[in-house]
Amino acid sequence: MKKQKLTHFNKEGRARMVDVGGKNDTLRIAIAEGEIIMQPSTLKMIKEKEIFKGDVLGVAQVAGIMAAKKTSEIIPMCHPLLLTSIDINFKIDEEKNKIIIQSQVKTVGKTGVEMEPLTAVSVAALTIYDMCKAVDRGMTIQDIHLVEKSGGQSGHYQGKSKMGE
């Protein structure tokens, strides 16, 4: 088995942005998920659009899309990408008092698009927290992870999704 090595370091061990100039453009798709757990009363208020600040999931969706587009501005070694598609979906799990957040991002380019949906999910969850913190400061954001990625030299990766559960 070929030994894996970290790519974001130069010969001196300092951080660098990887040179992807010699790579071919390919369709790249990545999906990420995460969840925010809250009190049952908070979840009910979100569903019934009773949160004072407005439509929580609508605002979180827009915030996640904006975050995906700005990923390279906040993650130091990320390449700026021309994203061709960003989608965010929510699944309310009343039994476990949580909202599962899923983001899918697509691009045609020379480098992967994994960081963009991970950032989108993170910011969508933070937006839900921000909009609901007046009624529930004990919310927990957790299990942000890559579900799937395709395209590029490393091939296909398939993780586990909670959206179908």
N, C-alpha and C. Protein backbone atom coordinates (compact mmCIF):
# COMPACT_ATOMS: atom_id res chain seq x y z
N MET A 1 0.84 -1.19 0.00
CA MET A 1 0.00 0.00 0.00
C MET A 1 0.89 1.25 0.00
N LYS A 2 0.55 2.20 -0.85
CA LYS A 2 1.32 3.43 -0.96
C LYS A 2 1.11 4.28 0.29
N LYS A 3 2.20 4.79 0.84
CA LYS A 3 2.12 5.63 2.03
C LYS A 3 1.53 6.99 1.67
N GLN A 4 0.52 7.40 2.41
CA GLN A 4 -0.10 8.70 2.20
C GLN A 4 0.76 9.78 2.84
N LYS A 5 0.77 10.97 2.24
CA LYS A 5 1.49 12.07 2.85
C LYS A 5 0.63 13.33 2.77
N LEU A 6 0.85 14.21 3.72
CA LEU A 6 0.14 15.48 3.73
C LEU A 6 0.67 16.35 2.59
N THR A 7 -0.23 17.02 1.89
CA THR A 7 0.16 17.76 0.69
C THR A 7 0.31 19.26 0.93
N HIS A 8 -0.15 19.77 2.04
CA HIS A 8 -0.16 21.22 2.26
C HIS A 8 1.09 21.73 2.97
N PHE A 9 2.21 21.02 2.80
CA PHE A 9 3.47 21.46 3.40
C PHE A 9 4.56 21.43 2.33
N ASN A 10 5.44 22.44 2.33
CA ASN A 10 6.55 22.46 1.39
C ASN A 10 7.72 21.66 1.97
N LYS A 11 8.87 21.65 1.27
CA LYS A 11 10.02 20.87 1.71
C LYS A 11 10.53 21.28 3.09
N GLU A 12 10.32 22.54 3.44
CA GLU A 12 10.76 23.04 4.75
C GLU A 12 9.73 22.79 5.85
N GLY A 13 8.61 22.18 5.49
CA GLY A 13 7.57 21.90 6.48
C GLY A 13 6.63 23.05 6.73
N ARG A 14 6.65 24.07 5.88
CA ARG A 14 5.75 25.21 6.04
C ARG A 14 4.51 25.04 5.17
N ALA A 15 3.46 25.70 5.59
CA ALA A 15 2.19 25.61 4.87
C ALA A 15 2.32 26.16 3.46
N ARG A 16 1.59 25.51 2.55
CA ARG A 16 1.55 25.97 1.16
C ARG A 16 0.20 25.61 0.56
N MET A 17 -0.17 26.32 -0.47
CA MET A 17 -1.34 25.94 -1.25
C MET A 17 -0.83 25.02 -2.34
N VAL A 18 -1.44 23.87 -2.48
CA VAL A 18 -1.02 22.85 -3.43
C VAL A 18 -1.17 23.38 -4.86
N ASP A 19 -0.20 23.08 -5.70
CA ASP A 19 -0.25 23.46 -7.12
C ASP A 19 -1.09 22.42 -7.87
N VAL A 20 -2.24 22.83 -8.36
CA VAL A 20 -3.11 21.91 -9.10
C VAL A 20 -3.13 22.25 -10.60
N GLY A 21 -2.22 23.10 -11.02
CA GLY A 21 -2.20 23.58 -12.40
C GLY A 21 -2.08 22.48 -13.44
N GLY A 22 -1.41 21.38 -13.13
CA GLY A 22 -1.21 20.31 -14.09
C GLY A 22 -2.34 19.29 -14.14
N LYS A 23 -3.31 19.43 -13.28
CA LYS A 23 -4.42 18.47 -13.25
C LYS A 23 -5.45 18.78 -14.33
N ASN A 24 -6.18 17.76 -14.72
CA ASN A 24 -7.28 17.93 -15.67
C ASN A 24 -8.54 18.40 -14.96
N ASP A 25 -9.34 19.17 -15.66
CA ASP A 25 -10.65 19.55 -15.14
C ASP A 25 -11.56 18.33 -15.18
N THR A 26 -12.22 18.05 -14.08
CA THR A 26 -13.22 16.98 -14.02
C THR A 26 -14.41 17.46 -13.21
N LEU A 27 -15.55 16.81 -13.42
CA LEU A 27 -16.73 17.07 -12.60
C LEU A 27 -16.45 16.56 -11.20
N ARG A 28 -16.65 17.40 -10.21
CA ARG A 28 -16.41 17.03 -8.82
C ARG A 28 -17.67 17.36 -8.02
N ILE A 29 -18.08 16.39 -7.24
CA ILE A 29 -19.28 16.52 -6.42
C ILE A 29 -18.94 16.07 -5.01
N ALA A 30 -19.41 16.81 -4.02
CA ALA A 30 -19.22 16.38 -2.63
C ALA A 30 -20.49 16.67 -1.84
N ILE A 31 -20.77 15.78 -0.90
CA ILE A 31 -21.93 15.91 -0.02
C ILE A 31 -21.44 15.81 1.42
N ALA A 32 -21.93 16.71 2.25
CA ALA A 32 -21.59 16.70 3.67
C ALA A 32 -22.87 16.80 4.49
N GLU A 33 -22.79 16.33 5.72
CA GLU A 33 -23.92 16.42 6.64
C GLU A 33 -23.44 16.80 8.03
N GLY A 34 -24.37 17.26 8.81
CA GLY A 34 -24.16 17.55 10.22
C GLY A 34 -25.52 17.68 10.87
N GLU A 35 -25.52 17.88 12.18
CA GLU A 35 -26.80 17.98 12.87
C GLU A 35 -26.72 18.96 14.03
N ILE A 36 -27.87 19.47 14.39
CA ILE A 36 -27.99 20.33 15.55
C ILE A 36 -29.12 19.77 16.41
N ILE A 37 -28.80 19.52 17.66
CA ILE A 37 -29.75 18.94 18.60
C ILE A 37 -30.24 20.06 19.52
N MET A 38 -31.52 20.01 19.86
CA MET A 38 -32.11 21.10 20.65
C MET A 38 -33.25 20.57 21.52
N GLN A 39 -33.81 21.46 22.31
CA GLN A 39 -34.96 21.13 23.13
C GLN A 39 -36.18 20.88 22.21
N PRO A 40 -37.08 19.97 22.62
CA PRO A 40 -38.28 19.74 21.80
C PRO A 40 -39.08 21.02 21.53
N SER A 41 -39.14 21.91 22.52
CA SER A 41 -39.89 23.16 22.33
C SER A 41 -39.24 24.05 21.28
N THR A 42 -37.93 24.04 21.19
CA THR A 42 -37.23 24.83 20.18
C THR A 42 -37.52 24.29 18.79
N LEU A 43 -37.46 22.97 18.65
CA LEU A 43 -37.75 22.34 17.36
C LEU A 43 -39.18 22.67 16.93
N LYS A 44 -40.09 22.63 17.86
CA LYS A 44 -41.49 22.96 17.56
C LYS A 44 -41.62 24.41 17.08
N MET A 45 -40.91 25.31 17.75
CA MET A 45 -40.96 26.72 17.34
C MET A 45 -40.40 26.91 15.93
N ILE A 46 -39.34 26.19 15.60
CA ILE A 46 -38.77 26.28 14.26
C ILE A 46 -39.78 25.78 13.22
N LYS A 47 -40.36 24.62 13.48
CA LYS A 47 -41.33 24.04 12.54
C LYS A 47 -42.52 24.96 12.33
N GLU A 48 -42.98 25.60 13.41
CA GLU A 48 -44.17 26.45 13.33
C GLU A 48 -43.84 27.91 13.02
N LYS A 49 -42.56 28.15 12.70
CA LYS A 49 -42.08 29.49 12.34
C LYS A 49 -42.44 30.53 13.40
N GLU A 50 -42.17 30.17 14.67
CA GLU A 50 -42.45 31.05 15.79
C GLU A 50 -41.21 31.71 16.37
N ILE A 51 -40.06 31.51 15.75
CA ILE A 51 -38.84 32.14 16.23
C ILE A 51 -38.87 33.61 15.82
N PHE A 52 -38.63 34.48 16.77
CA PHE A 52 -38.75 35.93 16.57
C PHE A 52 -37.93 36.44 15.38
N LYS A 53 -36.75 35.86 15.15
CA LYS A 53 -35.86 36.36 14.10
C LYS A 53 -36.31 35.98 12.69
N GLY A 54 -37.29 35.07 12.56
CA GLY A 54 -37.80 34.75 11.23
C GLY A 54 -37.75 33.27 10.89
N ASP A 55 -37.81 32.98 9.60
CA ASP A 55 -37.81 31.61 9.08
C ASP A 55 -36.42 31.01 9.24
N VAL A 56 -36.23 30.24 10.30
CA VAL A 56 -34.91 29.73 10.66
C VAL A 56 -34.29 28.90 9.54
N LEU A 57 -35.01 27.94 9.01
CA LEU A 57 -34.43 27.07 7.99
C LEU A 57 -34.20 27.81 6.67
N GLY A 58 -35.06 28.74 6.35
CA GLY A 58 -34.86 29.56 5.14
C GLY A 58 -33.60 30.39 5.24
N VAL A 59 -33.40 31.03 6.38
CA VAL A 59 -32.20 31.85 6.57
C VAL A 59 -30.96 30.96 6.63
N ALA A 60 -31.04 29.82 7.32
CA ALA A 60 -29.90 28.90 7.41
C ALA A 60 -29.51 28.37 6.03
N GLN A 61 -30.49 28.14 5.18
CA GLN A 61 -30.21 27.66 3.83
C GLN A 61 -29.41 28.70 3.05
N VAL A 62 -29.85 29.94 3.10
CA VAL A 62 -29.13 31.01 2.39
C VAL A 62 -27.74 31.21 2.99
N ALA A 63 -27.62 31.16 4.31
CA ALA A 63 -26.32 31.31 4.96
C ALA A 63 -25.36 30.20 4.54
N GLY A 64 -25.85 28.98 4.46
CA GLY A 64 -25.01 27.86 4.03
C GLY A 64 -24.54 28.02 2.59
N ILE A 65 -25.41 28.47 1.72
CA ILE A 65 -25.04 28.70 0.32
C ILE A 65 -23.97 29.79 0.24
N MET A 66 -24.18 30.87 0.96
CA MET A 66 -23.19 31.95 0.97
C MET A 66 -21.85 31.45 1.51
N ALA A 67 -21.88 30.63 2.55
CA ALA A 67 -20.65 30.11 3.13
C ALA A 67 -19.88 29.23 2.16
N ALA A 68 -20.59 28.38 1.43
CA ALA A 68 -19.93 27.52 0.44
C ALA A 68 -19.19 28.38 -0.58
N LYS A 69 -19.82 29.47 -1.01
CA LYS A 69 -19.20 30.34 -2.00
C LYS A 69 -17.98 31.07 -1.46
N LYS A 70 -17.87 31.23 -0.15
CA LYS A 70 -16.77 31.97 0.46
C LYS A 70 -15.75 31.07 1.16
N THR A 71 -15.82 29.78 0.95
CA THR A 71 -14.96 28.84 1.68
C THR A 71 -13.49 29.19 1.55
N SER A 72 -13.03 29.51 0.37
CA SER A 72 -11.60 29.80 0.18
C SER A 72 -11.15 31.06 0.91
N GLU A 73 -12.10 31.90 1.32
CA GLU A 73 -11.75 33.11 2.06
C GLU A 73 -11.57 32.84 3.55
N ILE A 74 -12.10 31.71 4.04
CA ILE A 74 -11.99 31.44 5.48
C ILE A 74 -11.17 30.20 5.83
N ILE A 75 -10.94 29.31 4.87
CA ILE A 75 -10.08 28.14 5.07
C ILE A 75 -8.79 28.44 4.31
N PRO A 76 -7.68 28.65 5.00
CA PRO A 76 -6.48 29.23 4.38
C PRO A 76 -5.95 28.52 3.13
N MET A 77 -5.94 27.21 3.07
CA MET A 77 -5.30 26.54 1.93
C MET A 77 -6.28 26.09 0.84
N CYS A 78 -7.53 26.49 0.94
CA CYS A 78 -8.52 26.12 -0.07
C CYS A 78 -8.36 26.98 -1.31
N HIS A 79 -8.48 26.33 -2.46
CA HIS A 79 -8.46 27.05 -3.73
C HIS A 79 -9.82 27.71 -3.95
N PRO A 80 -9.84 28.92 -4.50
CA PRO A 80 -11.13 29.49 -4.89
C PRO A 80 -11.69 28.69 -6.07
N LEU A 81 -12.94 28.28 -5.97
CA LEU A 81 -13.55 27.44 -6.99
C LEU A 81 -14.75 28.13 -7.61
N LEU A 82 -14.97 27.84 -8.88
CA LEU A 82 -16.18 28.27 -9.56
C LEU A 82 -17.22 27.17 -9.33
N LEU A 83 -18.09 27.39 -8.39
CA LEU A 83 -19.09 26.38 -8.05
C LEU A 83 -20.23 26.43 -9.05
N THR A 84 -20.64 25.26 -9.52
CA THR A 84 -21.71 25.20 -10.50
C THR A 84 -23.06 24.89 -9.86
N SER A 85 -23.05 24.39 -8.62
CA SER A 85 -24.29 24.05 -7.93
C SER A 85 -24.04 23.95 -6.43
N ILE A 86 -24.98 24.48 -5.67
CA ILE A 86 -24.97 24.34 -4.20
C ILE A 86 -26.40 24.06 -3.79
N ASP A 87 -26.60 23.00 -3.02
CA ASP A 87 -27.94 22.69 -2.52
C ASP A 87 -27.83 22.33 -1.04
N ILE A 88 -28.80 22.76 -0.27
CA ILE A 88 -28.85 22.45 1.16
C ILE A 88 -30.25 21.95 1.48
N ASN A 89 -30.28 20.84 2.22
CA ASN A 89 -31.55 20.25 2.64
C ASN A 89 -31.54 20.01 4.14
N PHE A 90 -32.72 20.01 4.72
CA PHE A 90 -32.89 19.79 6.15
C PHE A 90 -33.85 18.63 6.37
N LYS A 91 -33.56 17.84 7.37
CA LYS A 91 -34.48 16.78 7.79
C LYS A 91 -34.72 16.96 9.28
N ILE A 92 -35.97 17.14 9.65
CA ILE A 92 -36.33 17.30 11.06
C ILE A 92 -36.60 15.93 11.64
N ASP A 93 -35.89 15.61 12.69
CA ASP A 93 -36.04 14.34 13.40
C ASP A 93 -36.63 14.66 14.77
N GLU A 94 -37.97 14.59 14.85
CA GLU A 94 -38.66 14.94 16.09
C GLU A 94 -38.37 13.95 17.22
N GLU A 95 -38.14 12.70 16.87
CA GLU A 95 -37.88 11.68 17.87
C GLU A 95 -36.58 11.97 18.64
N LYS A 96 -35.58 12.51 17.93
CA LYS A 96 -34.27 12.80 18.55
C LYS A 96 -34.04 14.29 18.75
N ASN A 97 -35.06 15.11 18.51
CA ASN A 97 -34.99 16.56 18.72
C ASN A 97 -33.81 17.19 17.98
N LYS A 98 -33.70 16.87 16.70
CA LYS A 98 -32.58 17.42 15.95
C LYS A 98 -32.98 17.73 14.52
N ILE A 99 -32.14 18.54 13.90
CA ILE A 99 -32.26 18.84 12.48
C ILE A 99 -30.97 18.35 11.83
N ILE A 100 -31.13 17.50 10.84
CA ILE A 100 -29.99 17.03 10.05
C ILE A 100 -29.87 17.97 8.86
N ILE A 101 -28.65 18.43 8.62
CA ILE A 101 -28.37 19.38 7.54
C ILE A 101 -27.50 18.67 6.52
N GLN A 102 -27.88 18.75 5.26
CA GLN A 102 -27.08 18.14 4.19
C GLN A 102 -26.82 19.18 3.11
N SER A 103 -25.58 19.21 2.62
CA SER A 103 -25.22 20.10 1.52
C SER A 103 -24.53 19.31 0.42
N GLN A 104 -24.90 19.60 -0.80
CA GLN A 104 -24.23 19.04 -1.97
C GLN A 104 -23.68 20.20 -2.80
N VAL A 105 -22.40 20.08 -3.17
CA VAL A 105 -21.76 21.12 -3.97
C VAL A 105 -21.11 20.47 -5.19
N LYS A 106 -21.22 21.15 -6.34
CA LYS A 106 -20.61 20.65 -7.58
C LYS A 106 -19.72 21.73 -8.20
N THR A 107 -18.70 21.25 -8.89
CA THR A 107 -17.85 22.12 -9.68
C THR A 107 -17.22 21.30 -10.80
N VAL A 108 -16.71 21.97 -11.79
CA VAL A 108 -15.85 21.34 -12.78
C VAL A 108 -14.51 22.05 -12.62
N GLY A 109 -13.51 21.28 -12.20
CA GLY A 109 -12.24 21.94 -11.94
C GLY A 109 -11.11 20.97 -11.68
N LYS A 110 -10.02 21.51 -11.15
CA LYS A 110 -8.78 20.77 -10.95
C LYS A 110 -8.57 20.28 -9.53
N THR A 111 -9.45 20.66 -8.61
CA THR A 111 -9.28 20.27 -7.22
C THR A 111 -10.64 19.97 -6.59
N GLY A 112 -10.60 19.22 -5.51
CA GLY A 112 -11.82 18.74 -4.87
C GLY A 112 -12.68 19.83 -4.28
N VAL A 113 -13.91 19.46 -4.01
CA VAL A 113 -14.92 20.40 -3.54
C VAL A 113 -15.47 19.99 -2.17
N GLU A 114 -14.70 19.19 -1.41
CA GLU A 114 -15.18 18.69 -0.12
C GLU A 114 -15.37 19.79 0.93
N MET A 115 -14.48 20.76 0.94
CA MET A 115 -14.53 21.78 2.00
C MET A 115 -15.76 22.68 1.88
N GLU A 116 -16.25 22.86 0.68
CA GLU A 116 -17.39 23.74 0.48
C GLU A 116 -18.68 23.21 1.12
N PRO A 117 -19.07 21.95 0.92
CA PRO A 117 -20.27 21.49 1.62
C PRO A 117 -20.06 21.35 3.13
N LEU A 118 -18.85 21.02 3.56
CA LEU A 118 -18.57 20.97 5.00
C LEU A 118 -18.74 22.36 5.63
N THR A 119 -18.28 23.38 4.93
CA THR A 119 -18.44 24.76 5.41
C THR A 119 -19.91 25.16 5.38
N ALA A 120 -20.61 24.79 4.32
CA ALA A 120 -22.03 25.13 4.21
C ALA A 120 -22.84 24.54 5.36
N VAL A 121 -22.59 23.27 5.67
CA VAL A 121 -23.29 22.60 6.77
C VAL A 121 -22.96 23.29 8.10
N SER A 122 -21.70 23.59 8.30
CA SER A 122 -21.27 24.23 9.56
C SER A 122 -21.95 25.57 9.76
N VAL A 123 -21.95 26.39 8.72
CA VAL A 123 -22.54 27.73 8.84
C VAL A 123 -24.07 27.66 8.94
N ALA A 124 -24.69 26.72 8.24
CA ALA A 124 -26.14 26.56 8.38
C ALA A 124 -26.48 26.19 9.83
N ALA A 125 -25.71 25.29 10.43
CA ALA A 125 -25.94 24.91 11.83
C ALA A 125 -25.71 26.09 12.76
N LEU A 126 -24.64 26.83 12.52
CA LEU A 126 -24.37 28.01 13.35
C LEU A 126 -25.48 29.06 13.22
N THR A 127 -26.04 29.18 12.04
CA THR A 127 -27.13 30.13 11.83
C THR A 127 -28.38 29.70 12.60
N ILE A 128 -28.68 28.41 12.58
CA ILE A 128 -29.80 27.91 13.38
C ILE A 128 -29.56 28.23 14.84
N TYR A 129 -28.34 27.96 15.31
CA TYR A 129 -28.01 28.27 16.71
C TYR A 129 -28.22 29.76 16.99
N ASP A 130 -27.68 30.61 16.13
CA ASP A 130 -27.79 32.05 16.34
C ASP A 130 -29.24 32.51 16.40
N MET A 131 -30.05 31.99 15.52
CA MET A 131 -31.45 32.43 15.46
C MET A 131 -32.28 31.91 16.62
N CYS A 132 -31.83 30.82 17.25
CA CYS A 132 -32.63 30.19 18.31
C CYS A 132 -32.02 30.32 19.70
N LYS A 133 -30.86 30.93 19.82
CA LYS A 133 -30.16 30.96 21.11
C LYS A 133 -30.94 31.69 22.20
N ALA A 134 -31.82 32.58 21.84
CA ALA A 134 -32.61 33.29 22.85
C ALA A 134 -33.53 32.35 23.62
N VAL A 135 -33.91 31.23 23.00
CA VAL A 135 -34.81 30.29 23.67
C VAL A 135 -34.12 28.99 24.06
N ASP A 136 -32.89 28.75 23.54
CA ASP A 136 -32.23 27.47 23.81
C ASP A 136 -30.71 27.60 23.62
N ARG A 137 -30.01 27.95 24.68
CA ARG A 137 -28.56 28.08 24.60
C ARG A 137 -27.85 26.73 24.70
N GLY A 138 -28.58 25.67 24.98
CA GLY A 138 -27.98 24.35 25.13
C GLY A 138 -27.93 23.52 23.86
N MET A 139 -28.23 24.12 22.71
CA MET A 139 -28.18 23.38 21.45
C MET A 139 -26.76 22.86 21.22
N THR A 140 -26.67 21.70 20.56
CA THR A 140 -25.38 21.08 20.27
C THR A 140 -25.26 20.83 18.78
N ILE A 141 -24.16 21.32 18.21
CA ILE A 141 -23.83 21.06 16.81
C ILE A 141 -22.85 19.90 16.81
N GLN A 142 -23.14 18.87 16.00
CA GLN A 142 -22.25 17.71 16.03
C GLN A 142 -22.26 16.93 14.72
N ASP A 143 -21.33 15.99 14.65
CA ASP A 143 -21.24 14.99 13.59
C ASP A 143 -21.20 15.60 12.18
N ILE A 144 -20.43 16.68 12.02
CA ILE A 144 -20.24 17.24 10.69
C ILE A 144 -19.22 16.37 9.98
N HIS A 145 -19.61 15.84 8.82
CA HIS A 145 -18.74 14.88 8.14
C HIS A 145 -19.03 14.83 6.64
N LEU A 146 -18.03 14.33 5.91
CA LEU A 146 -18.17 14.11 4.48
C LEU A 146 -18.96 12.83 4.26
N VAL A 147 -20.00 12.90 3.47
CA VAL A 147 -20.83 11.74 3.16
C VAL A 147 -20.36 11.06 1.88
N GLU A 148 -20.04 11.88 0.89
CA GLU A 148 -19.64 11.31 -0.40
C GLU A 148 -18.86 12.34 -1.19
N LYS A 149 -17.93 11.85 -2.01
CA LYS A 149 -17.24 12.71 -2.96
C LYS A 149 -16.91 11.89 -4.19
N SER A 150 -16.96 12.57 -5.34
CA SER A 150 -16.60 11.90 -6.58
C SER A 150 -15.83 12.88 -7.45
N GLY A 151 -15.04 12.31 -8.36
CA GLY A 151 -14.23 13.11 -9.26
C GLY A 151 -12.80 13.23 -8.77
N GLY A 152 -11.90 13.45 -9.69
CA GLY A 152 -10.50 13.66 -9.33
C GLY A 152 -9.71 12.37 -9.23
N GLN A 153 -8.41 12.52 -8.96
CA GLN A 153 -7.49 11.39 -8.93
C GLN A 153 -7.77 10.40 -7.81
N SER A 154 -8.25 10.89 -6.67
CA SER A 154 -8.46 9.98 -5.54
C SER A 154 -9.72 9.14 -5.68
N GLY A 155 -10.53 9.42 -6.69
CA GLY A 155 -11.70 8.59 -6.96
C GLY A 155 -12.88 8.86 -6.06
N HIS A 156 -13.70 7.86 -5.92
CA HIS A 156 -14.96 7.97 -5.20
C HIS A 156 -14.78 7.62 -3.73
N TYR A 157 -15.45 8.38 -2.87
CA TYR A 157 -15.50 8.09 -1.44
C TYR A 157 -16.96 8.03 -1.03
N GLN A 158 -17.32 7.03 -0.27
CA GLN A 158 -18.70 6.90 0.22
C GLN A 158 -18.67 6.71 1.73
N GLY A 159 -19.26 7.66 2.43
CA GLY A 159 -19.42 7.57 3.88
C GLY A 159 -20.86 7.22 4.22
N LYS A 160 -21.28 7.63 5.39
CA LYS A 160 -22.62 7.29 5.87
C LYS A 160 -23.50 8.55 5.95
N SER A 161 -24.71 8.42 5.44
CA SER A 161 -25.68 9.51 5.48
C SER A 161 -26.76 9.22 6.52
N LYS A 162 -27.21 10.27 7.19
CA LYS A 162 -28.32 10.16 8.14
C LYS A 162 -29.64 10.65 7.55
N MET A 163 -29.60 11.16 6.33
CA MET A 163 -30.81 11.70 5.73
C MET A 163 -31.84 10.61 5.43
N GLY A 164 -31.38 9.41 5.15
CA GLY A 164 -32.30 8.33 4.82
C GLY A 164 -32.79 7.55 6.02
N GLU A 165 -32.24 7.84 7.19
CA GLU A 165 -32.64 7.07 8.39
C GLU A 165 -34.05 7.37 8.81
